[in-house]
Amino acid sequence: MTIKDIAKESGYAVGTVSRVLNNHPDVSEKARQRILAVVAKNGYTQNPNAKNLKQSVNHSILVLVKGARNELFAALVEQLQGLVNKGPYSLLVDYFDEDTDEVLRAAALCAEKKPQGILFLGGNADNFKRSFGRITLPAVLVTSPAEGLDYPNLSSVTTDDFAASVQAVQVLLKQGHQHIAIIGGRPSFSDVSGKRFAGGRAAFAQSGLPAENLVEYGEARFCYEEGYQAMRHVLAEHPEITAAYAIADVVAIGAMRAAQDAGRKVGRDLSIIGFDGLALGEYLTPRLATIGQSVERLAQEATNTLLNAIENDAPARRVTVPFTVINGESVGPAPRR
């Protein structure tokens, strides 16, 4: 199969196909997904050249980052770089939007780059169920659960997002808050988002408070800007809210700014707790309350698991990294009405 064949089958021009294969940003997501699907379906591989030959002997590891503005993933990549560079391997890091099918992207990049293994930072189980069967390399799904994904070459390293989210909402409930919002993430694109919403929802249900007292807003990517917009929307539509669980620290930080701009003092008029334990949260005013997960431990477990599979043909494993509740000034008692 040639680039012209891919263009014909996908319905896009040769130039567009070439830009997708070379990972250029100036391509619509619809075109990229269609072309990558055709590439994966036909097992297309570009003609090897000196660059690709060099990459193949460098024992590269492909890291697919689902969410270009996710600060936790940026910290994870930094840790992974340090760990992997201690050996003969090098990282090939690919960033893309949360809407992208990470498995189709992996299949296309594997055909081109010939890595030894794959680290998926974030993922959606439906994408894996549809397409992961065509990938034969050892792979590790990091921060996302691999429940129901019984592939012999797919491991996972994650935190118990459900249990951690139960505790996050319980922190707010123990402070007397009765009108709570859960904001951030998009459960339809992210299994992590779904687990965190479900955990927060379960904690609220156990409280015995009326179901209508819980507001859910799951239309925000993991970034400051969309956290800001989510909190702004919730406060405009539900001014009775006195506390929010933001399912990622970047969402929480954006939400804190929105609350301040709306005239709500964080920690007094509106309490906010996040998830991830980013270092930045320690230096905010007020200091951010959050669920901490160890980036160092996640990176170490993921690296060890993948290298053991590559070098020793070790079987797939499931690793759960513990979390901690980090108290902060962003959470306080419910204000008196």
C-alpha atoms as a PDB file:
ATOM      1  CA  MET A   1       0.000   0.000   0.000  1.00  0.00           C
ATOM      2  CA  THR A   2       1.196   3.520  -0.844  1.00  0.00           C
ATOM      3  CA  ILE A   3       0.285   7.001   0.371  1.00  0.00           C
ATOM      4  CA  LYS A   4      -1.850   7.353  -2.753  1.00  0.00           C
ATOM      5  CA  ASP A   5      -3.776   4.212  -1.778  1.00  0.00           C
ATOM      6  CA  ILE A   6      -4.377   5.626   1.703  1.00  0.00           C
ATOM      7  CA  ALA A   7      -5.556   8.891   0.184  1.00  0.00           C
ATOM      8  CA  LYS A   8      -7.974   7.076  -2.107  1.00  0.00           C
ATOM      9  CA  GLU A   9      -9.434   4.881   0.650  1.00  0.00           C
ATOM     10  CA  SER A  10      -9.682   7.678   3.206  1.00  0.00           C
ATOM     11  CA  GLY A  11     -11.070  10.254   0.796  1.00  0.00           C
ATOM     12  CA  TYR A  12      -8.397  12.840   1.615  1.00  0.00           C
ATOM     13  CA  ALA A  13      -5.641  14.394  -0.505  1.00  0.00           C
ATOM     14  CA  VAL A  14      -2.130  12.945  -0.612  1.00  0.00           C
ATOM     15  CA  GLY A  15      -0.802  16.093   1.059  1.00  0.00           C
ATOM     16  CA  THR A  16      -3.211  15.676   3.972  1.00  0.00           C
ATOM     17  CA  VAL A  17      -2.208  12.018   4.363  1.00  0.00           C
ATOM     18  CA  SER A  18       1.462  13.009   4.362  1.00  0.00           C
ATOM     19  CA  ARG A  19       0.900  15.616   7.098  1.00  0.00           C
ATOM     20  CA  VAL A  20      -0.896  13.065   9.275  1.00  0.00           C
ATOM     21  CA  LEU A  21       1.846  10.460   8.809  1.00  0.00           C
ATOM     22  CA  ASN A  22       4.451  13.053   9.761  1.00  0.00           C
ATOM     23  CA  ASN A  23       2.426  14.218  12.780  1.00  0.00           C
ATOM     24  CA  HIS A  24       1.926  17.798  11.564  1.00  0.00           C
ATOM     25  CA  PRO A  25      -0.548  19.827  13.650  1.00  0.00           C
ATOM     26  CA  ASP A  26      -2.322  21.584  10.750  1.00  0.00           C
ATOM     27  CA  VAL A  27      -4.839  18.785  10.082  1.00  0.00           C
ATOM     28  CA  SER A  28      -8.436  18.577  11.283  1.00  0.00           C
ATOM     29  CA  GLU A  29      -9.100  15.946  13.944  1.00  0.00           C
ATOM     30  CA  LYS A  30     -11.746  14.332  11.713  1.00  0.00           C
ATOM     31  CA  ALA A  31      -9.231  13.893   8.882  1.00  0.00           C
ATOM     32  CA  ARG A  32      -6.532  12.643  11.246  1.00  0.00           C
ATOM     33  CA  GLN A  33      -8.815   9.999  12.766  1.00  0.00           C
ATOM     34  CA  ARG A  34     -10.023   8.753   9.364  1.00  0.00           C
ATOM     35  CA  ILE A  35      -6.508   8.500   7.926  1.00  0.00           C
ATOM     36  CA  LEU A  36      -5.090   6.796  11.030  1.00  0.00           C
ATOM     37  CA  ALA A  37      -7.929   4.274  10.885  1.00  0.00           C
ATOM     38  CA  VAL A  38      -7.036   3.395   7.272  1.00  0.00           C
ATOM     39  CA  VAL A  39      -3.331   3.167   8.181  1.00  0.00           C
ATOM     40  CA  ALA A  40      -4.038   0.859  11.120  1.00  0.00           C
ATOM     41  CA  LYS A  41      -6.485  -1.283   9.134  1.00  0.00           C
ATOM     42  CA  ASN A  42      -3.954  -1.948   6.370  1.00  0.00           C
ATOM     43  CA  GLY A  43      -0.822  -2.117   8.527  1.00  0.00           C
ATOM     44  CA  TYR A  44       0.822   0.559   6.396  1.00  0.00           C
ATOM     45  CA  THR A  45       4.506   1.290   7.059  1.00  0.00           C
ATOM     46  CA  GLN A  46       6.417   4.131   5.447  1.00  0.00           C
ATOM     47  CA  ASN A  47       9.546   3.207   3.470  1.00  0.00           C
ATOM     48  CA  PRO A  48      12.426   3.042   5.967  1.00  0.00           C
ATOM     49  CA  ASN A  49      15.013   5.815   5.718  1.00  0.00           C
ATOM     50  CA  ALA A  50      18.068   6.725   7.717  1.00  0.00           C
ATOM     51  CA  LYS A  51      16.027   8.506  10.364  1.00  0.00           C
ATOM     52  CA  ASN A  52      13.723   5.558  10.945  1.00  0.00           C
ATOM     53  CA  LEU A  53      16.636   3.125  10.977  1.00  0.00           C
ATOM     54  CA  LYS A  54      18.346   5.223  13.610  1.00  0.00           C
ATOM     55  CA  GLN A  55      15.167   5.277  15.688  1.00  0.00           C
ATOM     56  CA  SER A  56      14.774   1.508  15.421  1.00  0.00           C
ATOM     57  CA  VAL A  57      18.244   0.793  16.842  1.00  0.00           C
ATOM     58  CA  ASN A  58      17.768   3.317  19.642  1.00  0.00           C
ATOM     59  CA  HIS A  59      15.291   1.028  21.426  1.00  0.00           C
ATOM     60  CA  SER A  60      12.683   3.741  21.652  1.00  0.00           C
ATOM     61  CA  ILE A  61       9.593   3.682  23.868  1.00  0.00           C
ATOM     62  CA  LEU A  62       6.483   5.428  22.605  1.00  0.00           C
ATOM     63  CA  VAL A  63       4.631   7.633  25.112  1.00  0.00           C
ATOM     64  CA  LEU A  64       1.131   8.708  24.056  1.00  0.00           C
ATOM     65  CA  VAL A  65      -0.187  11.658  26.074  1.00  0.00           C
ATOM     66  CA  LYS A  66      -3.977  12.025  25.915  1.00  0.00           C
ATOM     67  CA  GLY A  67      -4.459  15.709  26.771  1.00  0.00           C
ATOM     68  CA  ALA A  68      -1.832  18.239  25.744  1.00  0.00           C
ATOM     69  CA  ARG A  69      -2.666  20.615  28.635  1.00  0.00           C
ATOM     70  CA  ASN A  70      -2.806  18.054  31.443  1.00  0.00           C
ATOM     71  CA  GLU A  71      -0.222  19.159  34.035  1.00  0.00           C
ATOM     72  CA  LEU A  72      -0.128  15.746  35.731  1.00  0.00           C
ATOM     73  CA  PHE A  73       0.909  14.129  32.462  1.00  0.00           C
ATOM     74  CA  ALA A  74       3.605  16.774  31.932  1.00  0.00           C
ATOM     75  CA  ALA A  75       5.041  15.871  35.349  1.00  0.00           C
ATOM     76  CA  LEU A  76       4.800  12.156  34.515  1.00  0.00           C
ATOM     77  CA  VAL A  77       6.668  12.601  31.225  1.00  0.00           C
ATOM     78  CA  GLU A  78       9.471  14.388  33.068  1.00  0.00           C
ATOM     79  CA  GLN A  79       9.757  11.512  35.552  1.00  0.00           C
ATOM     80  CA  LEU A  80       9.613   8.882  32.813  1.00  0.00           C
ATOM     81  CA  GLN A  81      12.348  10.650  30.863  1.00  0.00           C
ATOM     82  CA  GLY A  82      14.704  10.474  33.818  1.00  0.00           C
ATOM     83  CA  LEU A  83      13.968   6.800  34.488  1.00  0.00           C
ATOM     84  CA  VAL A  84      14.132   5.566  30.902  1.00  0.00           C
ATOM     85  CA  ASN A  85      17.302   7.490  30.062  1.00  0.00           C
ATOM     86  CA  LYS A  86      19.199   5.496  32.683  1.00  0.00           C
ATOM     87  CA  GLY A  87      19.174   2.542  30.290  1.00  0.00           C
ATOM     88  CA  PRO A  88      19.576   2.031  26.542  1.00  0.00           C
ATOM     89  CA  TYR A  89      16.102   3.337  25.730  1.00  0.00           C
ATOM     90  CA  SER A  90      14.834   6.735  24.580  1.00  0.00           C
ATOM     91  CA  LEU A  91      11.344   8.224  24.681  1.00  0.00           C
ATOM     92  CA  LEU A  92       9.228   9.239  21.699  1.00  0.00           C
ATOM     93  CA  VAL A  93       6.521  11.487  23.158  1.00  0.00           C
ATOM     94  CA  ASP A  94       3.326  12.250  21.246  1.00  0.00           C
ATOM     95  CA  TYR A  95       0.773  14.770  22.573  1.00  0.00           C
ATOM     96  CA  PHE A  96      -2.796  14.979  21.287  1.00  0.00           C
ATOM     97  CA  ASP A  97      -6.266  16.199  22.241  1.00  0.00           C
ATOM     98  CA  GLU A  98      -8.529  14.278  24.625  1.00  0.00           C
ATOM     99  CA  ASP A  99     -10.972  13.579  21.752  1.00  0.00           C
ATOM    100  CA  THR A 100      -8.376  11.559  19.805  1.00  0.00           C
ATOM    101  CA  ASP A 101      -8.499   7.766  19.655  1.00  0.00           C
ATOM    102  CA  GLU A 102      -5.201   6.914  21.352  1.00  0.00           C
ATOM    103  CA  VAL A 103      -5.163   3.289  20.169  1.00  0.00           C
ATOM    104  CA  LEU A 104      -5.498   4.130  16.471  1.00  0.00           C
ATOM    105  CA  ARG A 105      -2.812   6.759  16.907  1.00  0.00           C
ATOM    106  CA  ALA A 106      -0.555   4.199  18.593  1.00  0.00           C
ATOM    107  CA  ALA A 107      -1.057   1.686  15.785  1.00  0.00           C
ATOM    108  CA  ALA A 108      -0.068   4.241  13.149  1.00  0.00           C
ATOM    109  CA  LEU A 109       2.961   5.474  15.082  1.00  0.00           C
ATOM    110  CA  CYS A 110       4.146   1.939  15.818  1.00  0.00           C
ATOM    111  CA  ALA A 111       4.129   1.142  12.120  1.00  0.00           C
ATOM    112  CA  GLU A 112       6.224   4.234  11.437  1.00  0.00           C
ATOM    113  CA  LYS A 113       8.541   4.497  14.458  1.00  0.00           C
ATOM    114  CA  LYS A 114       9.011   0.834  15.420  1.00  0.00           C
ATOM    115  CA  PRO A 115       9.211   1.309  19.211  1.00  0.00           C
ATOM    116  CA  GLN A 116       9.944  -1.485  21.671  1.00  0.00           C
ATOM    117  CA  GLY A 117       6.923  -0.724  23.865  1.00  0.00           C
ATOM    118  CA  ILE A 118       4.167   1.785  24.588  1.00  0.00           C
ATOM    119  CA  LEU A 119       3.133   3.892  27.588  1.00  0.00           C
ATOM    120  CA  PHE A 120      -0.408   5.280  27.330  1.00  0.00           C
ATOM    121  CA  LEU A 121      -0.906   8.311  29.592  1.00  0.00           C
ATOM    122  CA  GLY A 122      -4.691   8.317  29.809  1.00  0.00           C
ATOM    123  CA  GLY A 123      -7.108   6.286  27.746  1.00  0.00           C
ATOM    124  CA  ASN A 124     -10.649   5.210  27.007  1.00  0.00           C
ATOM    125  CA  ALA A 125     -11.618   1.547  27.428  1.00  0.00           C
ATOM    126  CA  ASP A 126     -13.919   1.607  24.398  1.00  0.00           C
ATOM    127  CA  ASN A 127     -11.007   2.597  22.159  1.00  0.00           C
ATOM    128  CA  PHE A 128      -8.949  -0.311  23.499  1.00  0.00           C
ATOM    129  CA  LYS A 129     -11.796  -2.799  23.077  1.00  0.00           C
ATOM    130  CA  ARG A 130     -12.231  -1.755  19.438  1.00  0.00           C
ATOM    131  CA  SER A 131      -8.635  -1.660  18.290  1.00  0.00           C
ATOM    132  CA  PHE A 132      -5.959  -2.773  20.763  1.00  0.00           C
ATOM    133  CA  GLY A 133      -6.040  -6.356  19.485  1.00  0.00           C
ATOM    134  CA  ARG A 134      -3.987  -5.273  16.472  1.00  0.00           C
ATOM    135  CA  ILE A 135      -1.102  -4.067  18.700  1.00  0.00           C
ATOM    136  CA  THR A 136       1.382  -6.790  19.656  1.00  0.00           C
ATOM    137  CA  LEU A 137       3.965  -4.729  21.554  1.00  0.00           C
ATOM    138  CA  PRO A 138       4.080  -4.649  25.372  1.00  0.00           C
ATOM    139  CA  ALA A 139       2.060  -1.673  26.635  1.00  0.00           C
ATOM    140  CA  VAL A 140       1.152  -0.044  29.933  1.00  0.00           C
ATOM    141  CA  LEU A 141      -1.939   2.075  30.539  1.00  0.00           C
ATOM    142  CA  VAL A 142      -0.935   4.718  33.095  1.00  0.00           C
ATOM    143  CA  THR A 143      -3.488   6.542  35.333  1.00  0.00           C
ATOM    144  CA  SER A 144      -6.433   4.844  33.602  1.00  0.00           C
ATOM    145  CA  PRO A 145      -7.956   1.520  34.722  1.00  0.00           C
ATOM    146  CA  ALA A 146      -7.715  -1.554  32.516  1.00  0.00           C
ATOM    147  CA  GLU A 147     -10.806  -3.311  33.838  1.00  0.00           C
ATOM    148  CA  GLY A 148     -12.289  -5.604  31.220  1.00  0.00           C
ATOM    149  CA  LEU A 149      -9.227  -5.234  28.988  1.00  0.00           C
ATOM    150  CA  ASP A 150      -7.813  -8.734  29.181  1.00  0.00           C
ATOM    151  CA  TYR A 151      -4.995  -8.440  26.656  1.00  0.00           C
ATOM    152  CA  PRO A 152      -1.830 -10.426  27.458  1.00  0.00           C
ATOM    153  CA  ASN A 153       0.384  -7.495  26.458  1.00  0.00           C
ATOM    154  CA  LEU A 154      -1.507  -4.693  28.285  1.00  0.00           C
ATOM    155  CA  SER A 155      -0.660  -3.788  31.893  1.00  0.00           C
ATOM    156  CA  SER A 156      -1.971  -0.896  33.968  1.00  0.00           C
ATOM    157  CA  VAL A 157      -0.663   1.392  36.707  1.00  0.00           C
ATOM    158  CA  THR A 158      -3.256   3.625  38.318  1.00  0.00           C
ATOM    159  CA  THR A 159      -4.741   5.071  41.499  1.00  0.00           C
ATOM    160  CA  ASP A 160      -8.119   3.930  42.848  1.00  0.00           C
ATOM    161  CA  ASP A 161      -9.966   6.927  41.407  1.00  0.00           C
ATOM    162  CA  PHE A 162     -13.345   5.807  42.702  1.00  0.00           C
ATOM    163  CA  ALA A 163     -12.268   5.357  46.338  1.00  0.00           C
ATOM    164  CA  ALA A 164     -10.233   8.571  46.268  1.00  0.00           C
ATOM    165  CA  SER A 165     -13.208  10.517  44.954  1.00  0.00           C
ATOM    166  CA  VAL A 166     -15.447   9.111  47.670  1.00  0.00           C
ATOM    167  CA  GLN A 167     -13.027  10.546  50.203  1.00  0.00           C
ATOM    168  CA  ALA A 168     -12.773  13.888  48.395  1.00  0.00           C
ATOM    169  CA  VAL A 169     -16.532  14.485  48.613  1.00  0.00           C
ATOM    170  CA  GLN A 170     -16.606  13.188  52.188  1.00  0.00           C
ATOM    171  CA  VAL A 171     -14.131  15.936  53.107  1.00  0.00           C
ATOM    172  CA  LEU A 172     -16.716  18.493  51.927  1.00  0.00           C
ATOM    173  CA  LEU A 173     -19.628  16.735  53.593  1.00  0.00           C
ATOM    174  CA  LYS A 174     -17.806  16.602  56.937  1.00  0.00           C
ATOM    175  CA  GLN A 175     -17.523  20.391  56.786  1.00  0.00           C
ATOM    176  CA  GLY A 176     -21.305  20.629  56.649  1.00  0.00           C
ATOM    177  CA  HIS A 177     -21.711  21.379  52.951  1.00  0.00           C
ATOM    178  CA  GLN A 178     -25.095  20.285  51.604  1.00  0.00           C
ATOM    179  CA  HIS A 179     -24.998  21.783  48.094  1.00  0.00           C
ATOM    180  CA  ILE A 180     -22.019  20.394  46.206  1.00  0.00           C
ATOM    181  CA  ALA A 181     -20.845  20.427  42.583  1.00  0.00           C
ATOM    182  CA  ILE A 182     -18.591  17.943  40.805  1.00  0.00           C
ATOM    183  CA  ILE A 183     -16.825  19.597  37.885  1.00  0.00           C
ATOM    184  CA  GLY A 184     -14.274  18.817  35.188  1.00  0.00           C
ATOM    185  CA  GLY A 185     -13.351  16.042  32.834  1.00  0.00           C
ATOM    186  CA  ARG A 186     -15.561  14.418  30.242  1.00  0.00           C
ATOM    187  CA  PRO A 187     -16.639  10.905  31.257  1.00  0.00           C
ATOM    188  CA  SER A 188     -17.532   9.967  27.671  1.00  0.00           C
ATOM    189  CA  PHE A 189     -13.879  10.444  26.611  1.00  0.00           C
ATOM    190  CA  SER A 190     -12.010   9.524  29.789  1.00  0.00           C
ATOM    191  CA  ASP A 191     -12.385   6.471  32.025  1.00  0.00           C
ATOM    192  CA  VAL A 192     -10.646   8.382  34.819  1.00  0.00           C
ATOM    193  CA  SER A 193     -13.306  11.096  34.644  1.00  0.00           C
ATOM    194  CA  GLY A 194     -16.040   8.484  34.810  1.00  0.00           C
ATOM    195  CA  LYS A 195     -14.520   6.813  37.879  1.00  0.00           C
ATOM    196  CA  ARG A 196     -14.066  10.118  39.690  1.00  0.00           C
ATOM    197  CA  PHE A 197     -17.604  11.289  38.983  1.00  0.00           C
ATOM    198  CA  ALA A 198     -18.958   7.914  40.097  1.00  0.00           C
ATOM    199  CA  GLY A 199     -17.001   8.016  43.355  1.00  0.00           C
ATOM    200  CA  GLY A 200     -18.131  11.544  44.173  1.00  0.00           C
ATOM    201  CA  ARG A 201     -21.719  10.629  43.319  1.00  0.00           C
ATOM    202  CA  ALA A 202     -21.585   7.556  45.575  1.00  0.00           C
ATOM    203  CA  ALA A 203     -20.282   9.564  48.536  1.00  0.00           C
ATOM    204  CA  PHE A 204     -23.061  12.115  48.128  1.00  0.00           C
ATOM    205  CA  ALA A 205     -25.715   9.384  47.886  1.00  0.00           C
ATOM    206  CA  GLN A 206     -24.453   7.843  51.126  1.00  0.00           C
ATOM    207  CA  SER A 207     -24.930  11.191  52.904  1.00  0.00           C
ATOM    208  CA  GLY A 208     -28.722  10.969  52.642  1.00  0.00           C
ATOM    209  CA  LEU A 209     -28.983  14.496  51.271  1.00  0.00           C
ATOM    210  CA  PRO A 210     -31.493  15.142  48.449  1.00  0.00           C
ATOM    211  CA  ALA A 211     -30.117  14.061  45.076  1.00  0.00           C
ATOM    212  CA  GLU A 212     -30.940  17.466  43.577  1.00  0.00           C
ATOM    213  CA  ASN A 213     -28.405  19.050  45.941  1.00  0.00           C
ATOM    214  CA  LEU A 214     -25.610  17.542  43.838  1.00  0.00           C
ATOM    215  CA  VAL A 215     -24.715  19.346  40.609  1.00  0.00           C
ATOM    216  CA  GLU A 216     -22.566  17.602  37.991  1.00  0.00           C
ATOM    217  CA  TYR A 217     -20.800  19.490  35.217  1.00  0.00           C
ATOM    218  CA  GLY A 218     -18.631  17.198  33.116  1.00  0.00           C
ATOM    219  CA  GLU A 219     -17.915  19.329  30.080  1.00  0.00           C
ATOM    220  CA  ALA A 220     -14.388  20.520  30.775  1.00  0.00           C
ATOM    221  CA  ARG A 221     -11.017  19.304  29.586  1.00  0.00           C
ATOM    222  CA  PHE A 222      -8.218  18.932  32.108  1.00  0.00           C
ATOM    223  CA  CYS A 223      -6.941  22.503  31.907  1.00  0.00           C
ATOM    224  CA  TYR A 224      -7.148  25.818  33.783  1.00  0.00           C
ATOM    225  CA  GLU A 225      -9.305  27.607  31.219  1.00  0.00           C
ATOM    226  CA  GLU A 226     -12.057  25.027  31.107  1.00  0.00           C
ATOM    227  CA  GLY A 227     -12.020  24.657  34.897  1.00  0.00           C
ATOM    228  CA  TYR A 228     -12.631  28.390  35.068  1.00  0.00           C
ATOM    229  CA  GLN A 229     -15.522  28.207  32.621  1.00  0.00           C
ATOM    230  CA  ALA A 230     -17.055  25.185  34.377  1.00  0.00           C
ATOM    231  CA  MET A 231     -17.078  26.883  37.766  1.00  0.00           C
ATOM    232  CA  ARG A 232     -18.407  30.095  36.271  1.00  0.00           C
ATOM    233  CA  HIS A 233     -21.268  28.185  34.650  1.00  0.00           C
ATOM    234  CA  VAL A 234     -22.128  26.270  37.836  1.00  0.00           C
ATOM    235  CA  LEU A 235     -22.190  29.398  40.010  1.00  0.00           C
ATOM    236  CA  ALA A 236     -24.387  31.235  37.506  1.00  0.00           C
ATOM    237  CA  GLU A 237     -26.874  28.366  37.264  1.00  0.00           C
ATOM    238  CA  HIS A 238     -26.692  27.147  40.874  1.00  0.00           C
ATOM    239  CA  PRO A 239     -25.793  30.016  43.230  1.00  0.00           C
ATOM    240  CA  GLU A 240     -26.736  27.831  46.214  1.00  0.00           C
ATOM    241  CA  ILE A 241     -23.567  25.756  45.751  1.00  0.00           C
ATOM    242  CA  THR A 242     -21.140  26.118  48.675  1.00  0.00           C
ATOM    243  CA  ALA A 243     -18.525  23.499  47.712  1.00  0.00           C
ATOM    244  CA  ALA A 244     -17.037  21.846  44.633  1.00  0.00           C
ATOM    245  CA  TYR A 245     -15.002  18.742  43.941  1.00  0.00           C
ATOM    246  CA  ALA A 246     -12.882  19.450  40.854  1.00  0.00           C
ATOM    247  CA  ILE A 247     -11.684  16.105  39.506  1.00  0.00           C
ATOM    248  CA  ALA A 248      -8.214  17.449  38.608  1.00  0.00           C
ATOM    249  CA  ASP A 249      -6.029  20.107  40.197  1.00  0.00           C
ATOM    250  CA  VAL A 250      -5.806  22.112  36.970  1.00  0.00           C
ATOM    251  CA  VAL A 251      -9.615  22.263  36.928  1.00  0.00           C
ATOM    252  CA  ALA A 252      -9.640  23.218  40.631  1.00  0.00           C
ATOM    253  CA  ILE A 253      -7.163  26.058  40.075  1.00  0.00           C
ATOM    254  CA  GLY A 254      -9.268  27.468  37.240  1.00  0.00           C
ATOM    255  CA  ALA A 255     -12.362  27.079  39.430  1.00  0.00           C
ATOM    256  CA  MET A 256     -10.723  28.998  42.276  1.00  0.00           C
ATOM    257  CA  ARG A 257     -10.105  31.951  39.992  1.00  0.00           C
ATOM    258  CA  ALA A 258     -13.699  31.864  38.728  1.00  0.00           C
ATOM    259  CA  ALA A 259     -15.010  31.829  42.292  1.00  0.00           C
ATOM    260  CA  GLN A 260     -12.886  34.831  43.224  1.00  0.00           C
ATOM    261  CA  ASP A 261     -14.052  36.695  40.123  1.00  0.00           C
ATOM    262  CA  ALA A 262     -17.660  35.942  41.118  1.00  0.00           C
ATOM    263  CA  GLY A 263     -17.090  37.524  44.515  1.00  0.00           C
ATOM    264  CA  ARG A 264     -16.798  34.220  46.412  1.00  0.00           C
ATOM    265  CA  LYS A 265     -13.863  33.904  48.807  1.00  0.00           C
ATOM    266  CA  VAL A 266     -12.424  30.414  48.428  1.00  0.00           C
ATOM    267  CA  GLY A 267     -12.296  28.551  51.724  1.00  0.00           C
ATOM    268  CA  ARG A 268     -14.950  30.775  53.282  1.00  0.00           C
ATOM    269  CA  ASP A 269     -17.827  31.333  50.833  1.00  0.00           C
ATOM    270  CA  LEU A 270     -16.966  28.415  48.550  1.00  0.00           C
ATOM    271  CA  SER A 271     -14.844  25.355  49.320  1.00  0.00           C
ATOM    272  CA  ILE A 272     -12.911  23.571  46.577  1.00  0.00           C
ATOM    273  CA  ILE A 273     -10.992  20.286  46.635  1.00  0.00           C
ATOM    274  CA  GLY A 274      -9.002  18.943  43.691  1.00  0.00           C
ATOM    275  CA  PHE A 275      -7.315  15.709  42.609  1.00  0.00           C
ATOM    276  CA  ASP A 276      -3.679  14.937  41.661  1.00  0.00           C
ATOM    277  CA  GLY A 277      -1.523  16.693  44.264  1.00  0.00           C
ATOM    278  CA  LEU A 278       0.319  18.996  41.859  1.00  0.00           C
ATOM    279  CA  ALA A 279       3.187  20.875  43.515  1.00  0.00           C
ATOM    280  CA  LEU A 280       1.664  24.177  42.392  1.00  0.00           C
ATOM    281  CA  GLY A 281      -1.268  23.672  44.772  1.00  0.00           C
ATOM    282  CA  GLU A 282       1.057  24.074  47.765  1.00  0.00           C
ATOM    283  CA  TYR A 283       1.926  27.618  46.703  1.00  0.00           C
ATOM    284  CA  LEU A 284      -1.544  28.973  45.981  1.00  0.00           C
ATOM    285  CA  THR A 285      -3.414  31.376  48.240  1.00  0.00           C
ATOM    286  CA  PRO A 286      -5.402  29.705  49.676  1.00  0.00           C
ATOM    287  CA  ARG A 287      -3.427  26.448  49.618  1.00  0.00           C
ATOM    288  CA  LEU A 288      -5.334  23.837  47.603  1.00  0.00           C
ATOM    289  CA  ALA A 289      -6.920  20.840  49.326  1.00  0.00           C
ATOM    290  CA  THR A 290      -6.566  17.816  47.059  1.00  0.00           C
ATOM    291  CA  ILE A 291      -6.173  14.082  46.598  1.00  0.00           C
ATOM    292  CA  GLY A 292      -2.488  13.315  46.184  1.00  0.00           C
ATOM    293  CA  GLN A 293      -1.190  10.589  43.922  1.00  0.00           C
ATOM    294  CA  SER A 294       2.554  10.012  43.683  1.00  0.00           C
ATOM    295  CA  VAL A 295       3.876  10.940  40.235  1.00  0.00           C
ATOM    296  CA  GLU A 296       7.208   9.355  41.148  1.00  0.00           C
ATOM    297  CA  ARG A 297       5.574   6.060  42.113  1.00  0.00           C
ATOM    298  CA  LEU A 298       3.334   5.999  39.028  1.00  0.00           C
ATOM    299  CA  ALA A 299       6.321   6.614  36.749  1.00  0.00           C
ATOM    300  CA  GLN A 300       8.520   4.047  38.516  1.00  0.00           C
ATOM    301  CA  GLU A 301       5.885   1.303  38.440  1.00  0.00           C
ATOM    302  CA  ALA A 302       5.026   2.012  34.800  1.00  0.00           C
ATOM    303  CA  THR A 303       8.673   1.972  33.725  1.00  0.00           C
ATOM    304  CA  ASN A 304       9.512  -1.207  35.650  1.00  0.00           C
ATOM    305  CA  THR A 305       6.420  -2.987  34.319  1.00  0.00           C
ATOM    306  CA  LEU A 306       7.096  -2.090  30.688  1.00  0.00           C
ATOM    307  CA  LEU A 307      10.832  -2.843  30.731  1.00  0.00           C
ATOM    308  CA  ASN A 308      10.202  -6.185  32.435  1.00  0.00           C
ATOM    309  CA  ALA A 309       7.728  -7.063  29.682  1.00  0.00           C
ATOM    310  CA  ILE A 310      10.120  -5.937  26.917  1.00  0.00           C
ATOM    311  CA  GLU A 311      13.255  -7.592  28.288  1.00  0.00           C
ATOM    312  CA  ASN A 312      11.891 -10.629  30.125  1.00  0.00           C
ATOM    313  CA  ASP A 313       8.561 -11.274  28.412  1.00  0.00           C
ATOM    314  CA  ALA A 314       6.853 -10.759  31.795  1.00  0.00           C
ATOM    315  CA  PRO A 315       3.053 -11.171  31.869  1.00  0.00           C
ATOM    316  CA  ALA A 316       0.661  -8.253  32.133  1.00  0.00           C
ATOM    317  CA  ARG A 317       0.022  -6.945  35.637  1.00  0.00           C
ATOM    318  CA  ARG A 318      -2.328  -4.531  37.402  1.00  0.00           C
ATOM    319  CA  VAL A 319      -0.736  -2.085  39.838  1.00  0.00           C
ATOM    320  CA  THR A 320      -2.704   0.271  42.121  1.00  0.00           C
ATOM    321  CA  VAL A 321      -0.714   3.141  43.626  1.00  0.00           C
ATOM    322  CA  PRO A 322      -2.008   4.479  46.988  1.00  0.00           C
ATOM    323  CA  PHE A 323      -3.407   7.992  47.374  1.00  0.00           C
ATOM    324  CA  THR A 324      -3.499  10.486  50.235  1.00  0.00           C
ATOM    325  CA  VAL A 325      -5.919  13.218  51.284  1.00  0.00           C
ATOM    326  CA  ILE A 326      -4.041  16.520  51.444  1.00  0.00           C
ATOM    327  CA  ASN A 327      -5.719  19.142  53.602  1.00  0.00           C
ATOM    328  CA  GLY A 328      -5.638  22.736  52.440  1.00  0.00           C
ATOM    329  CA  GLU A 329      -7.031  26.188  53.065  1.00  0.00           C
ATOM    330  CA  SER A 330      -9.349  25.982  50.059  1.00  0.00           C
ATOM    331  CA  VAL A 331     -11.803  23.903  52.134  1.00  0.00           C
ATOM    332  CA  GLY A 332     -13.615  25.325  55.143  1.00  0.00           C
ATOM    333  CA  PRO A 333     -16.907  24.994  57.028  1.00  0.00           C
ATOM    334  CA  ALA A 334     -20.138  25.520  55.123  1.00  0.00           C
ATOM    335  CA  PRO A 335     -21.171  29.187  55.370  1.00  0.00           C
ATOM    336  CA  ARG A 336     -24.182  29.953  57.517  1.00  0.00           C
ATOM    337  CA  ARG A 337     -27.298  30.897  55.569  1.00  0.00           C
END
